[in-house]
Amino acid sequence: MGQLLVRDVPDPIIAELKKRAKKNGRSAEAEHRILLEESLSSRMQDFWTKAARLREATRGRICTNSADLIRDERRNRDRH
């Protein structure tokens, strides 16, 4: 596993982290790791849920290459 070094963390944040760690019976490092995991895993879950909804909402639609749309728009703009 990799390591992470976080610099310039304000003292009040460090104090809260240590308080929370003590309350949960963990080291500050373990608490920090859990906070990161909880924060990022919920965001990733939100992303995959939204992606699934979008796939379902667009199922069966004909998709067009965006580069073609941009080219067409430029051609139309140049004509006027």
C-alpha atoms as a PDB file:
ATOM      1  CA  MET A   1       0.000   0.000   0.000  1.00  0.00           C
ATOM      2  CA  GLY A   2       1.029   3.574  -0.578  1.00  0.00           C
ATOM      3  CA  GLN A   3       1.651   6.289   1.940  1.00  0.00           C
ATOM      4  CA  LEU A   4       0.118   9.722   2.166  1.00  0.00           C
ATOM      5  CA  LEU A   5       1.667  12.785   3.749  1.00  0.00           C
ATOM      6  CA  VAL A   6      -0.613  15.739   4.429  1.00  0.00           C
ATOM      7  CA  ARG A   7       1.124  19.048   5.123  1.00  0.00           C
ATOM      8  CA  ASP A   8      -0.157  22.275   6.645  1.00  0.00           C
ATOM      9  CA  VAL A   9      -3.159  20.781   8.412  1.00  0.00           C
ATOM     10  CA  PRO A  10      -4.566  23.375  10.835  1.00  0.00           C
ATOM     11  CA  ASP A  11      -4.056  22.555  14.518  1.00  0.00           C
ATOM     12  CA  PRO A  12      -7.815  22.535  15.316  1.00  0.00           C
ATOM     13  CA  ILE A  13      -8.371  19.861  12.635  1.00  0.00           C
ATOM     14  CA  ILE A  14      -5.579  17.720  14.070  1.00  0.00           C
ATOM     15  CA  ALA A  15      -7.036  18.123  17.567  1.00  0.00           C
ATOM     16  CA  GLU A  16     -10.492  17.023  16.356  1.00  0.00           C
ATOM     17  CA  LEU A  17      -8.971  14.046  14.542  1.00  0.00           C
ATOM     18  CA  LYS A  18      -7.174  12.969  17.707  1.00  0.00           C
ATOM     19  CA  LYS A  19     -10.354  13.411  19.801  1.00  0.00           C
ATOM     20  CA  ARG A  20     -12.363  11.333  17.361  1.00  0.00           C
ATOM     21  CA  ALA A  21      -9.641   8.666  17.240  1.00  0.00           C
ATOM     22  CA  LYS A  22      -9.522   8.437  21.027  1.00  0.00           C
ATOM     23  CA  LYS A  23     -13.315   8.193  21.232  1.00  0.00           C
ATOM     24  CA  ASN A  24     -13.244   5.323  18.710  1.00  0.00           C
ATOM     25  CA  GLY A  25     -10.266   3.564  20.320  1.00  0.00           C
ATOM     26  CA  ARG A  26      -7.971   4.051  17.338  1.00  0.00           C
ATOM     27  CA  SER A  27      -4.770   5.839  16.530  1.00  0.00           C
ATOM     28  CA  ALA A  28      -4.991   9.179  14.720  1.00  0.00           C
ATOM     29  CA  GLU A  29      -3.495   7.484  11.669  1.00  0.00           C
ATOM     30  CA  ALA A  30      -6.146   4.743  11.672  1.00  0.00           C
ATOM     31  CA  GLU A  31      -8.886   7.329  12.152  1.00  0.00           C
ATOM     32  CA  HIS A  32      -7.531   9.383   9.262  1.00  0.00           C
ATOM     33  CA  ARG A  33      -7.486   6.295   7.046  1.00  0.00           C
ATOM     34  CA  ILE A  34     -11.096   5.456   7.950  1.00  0.00           C
ATOM     35  CA  LEU A  35     -12.246   9.038   7.297  1.00  0.00           C
ATOM     36  CA  LEU A  36     -10.652   8.945   3.850  1.00  0.00           C
ATOM     37  CA  GLU A  37     -12.182   5.557   3.038  1.00  0.00           C
ATOM     38  CA  GLU A  38     -15.654   6.608   4.186  1.00  0.00           C
ATOM     39  CA  SER A  39     -15.531   9.889   2.320  1.00  0.00           C
ATOM     40  CA  LEU A  40     -14.254   8.496  -0.955  1.00  0.00           C
ATOM     41  CA  SER A  41     -16.227   5.256  -1.002  1.00  0.00           C
ATOM     42  CA  SER A  42     -19.531   7.114  -0.625  1.00  0.00           C
ATOM     43  CA  ARG A  43     -18.569   9.484  -3.442  1.00  0.00           C
ATOM     44  CA  MET A  44     -17.622   6.587  -5.681  1.00  0.00           C
ATOM     45  CA  GLN A  45     -20.918   4.865  -4.884  1.00  0.00           C
ATOM     46  CA  ASP A  46     -22.777   8.087  -5.756  1.00  0.00           C
ATOM     47  CA  PHE A  47     -20.858   8.259  -9.031  1.00  0.00           C
ATOM     48  CA  TRP A  48     -21.710   4.683 -10.024  1.00  0.00           C
ATOM     49  CA  THR A  49     -25.366   5.141  -9.042  1.00  0.00           C
ATOM     50  CA  LYS A  50     -25.612   8.310 -11.160  1.00  0.00           C
ATOM     51  CA  ALA A  51     -23.803   6.608 -14.051  1.00  0.00           C
ATOM     52  CA  ALA A  52     -26.260   3.697 -13.959  1.00  0.00           C
ATOM     53  CA  ARG A  53     -29.219   6.107 -13.992  1.00  0.00           C
ATOM     54  CA  LEU A  54     -27.741   8.008 -16.924  1.00  0.00           C
ATOM     55  CA  ARG A  55     -27.126   4.788 -18.866  1.00  0.00           C
ATOM     56  CA  GLU A  56     -30.725   3.752 -18.255  1.00  0.00           C
ATOM     57  CA  ALA A  57     -32.093   7.173 -19.217  1.00  0.00           C
ATOM     58  CA  THR A  58     -30.135   7.205 -22.488  1.00  0.00           C
ATOM     59  CA  ARG A  59     -30.634   3.549 -23.407  1.00  0.00           C
ATOM     60  CA  GLY A  60     -31.632   3.159 -27.061  1.00  0.00           C
ATOM     61  CA  ARG A  61     -30.788   6.730 -28.052  1.00  0.00           C
ATOM     62  CA  ILE A  62     -28.710   7.398 -31.121  1.00  0.00           C
ATOM     63  CA  CYS A  63     -25.442   9.009 -30.140  1.00  0.00           C
ATOM     64  CA  THR A  64     -23.586  11.444 -32.349  1.00  0.00           C
ATOM     65  CA  ASN A  65     -19.893  12.158 -32.303  1.00  0.00           C
ATOM     66  CA  SER A  66     -19.466  15.541 -30.598  1.00  0.00           C
ATOM     67  CA  ALA A  67     -16.677  16.503 -33.007  1.00  0.00           C
ATOM     68  CA  ASP A  68     -19.177  16.212 -35.867  1.00  0.00           C
ATOM     69  CA  LEU A  69     -21.640  18.439 -34.006  1.00  0.00           C
ATOM     70  CA  ILE A  70     -18.968  21.074 -33.411  1.00  0.00           C
ATOM     71  CA  ARG A  71     -17.912  20.995 -37.076  1.00  0.00           C
ATOM     72  CA  ASP A  72     -21.522  21.417 -38.200  1.00  0.00           C
ATOM     73  CA  GLU A  73     -22.024  24.310 -35.808  1.00  0.00           C
ATOM     74  CA  ARG A  74     -18.897  26.056 -37.080  1.00  0.00           C
ATOM     75  CA  ARG A  75     -19.939  25.564 -40.695  1.00  0.00           C
ATOM     76  CA  ASN A  76     -23.379  27.029 -39.972  1.00  0.00           C
ATOM     77  CA  ARG A  77     -21.858  29.968 -38.123  1.00  0.00           C
ATOM     78  CA  ASP A  78     -19.416  30.712 -40.970  1.00  0.00           C
ATOM     79  CA  ARG A  79     -22.260  30.744 -43.498  1.00  0.00           C
ATOM     80  CA  HIS A  80     -24.079  33.558 -41.709  1.00  0.00           C
END
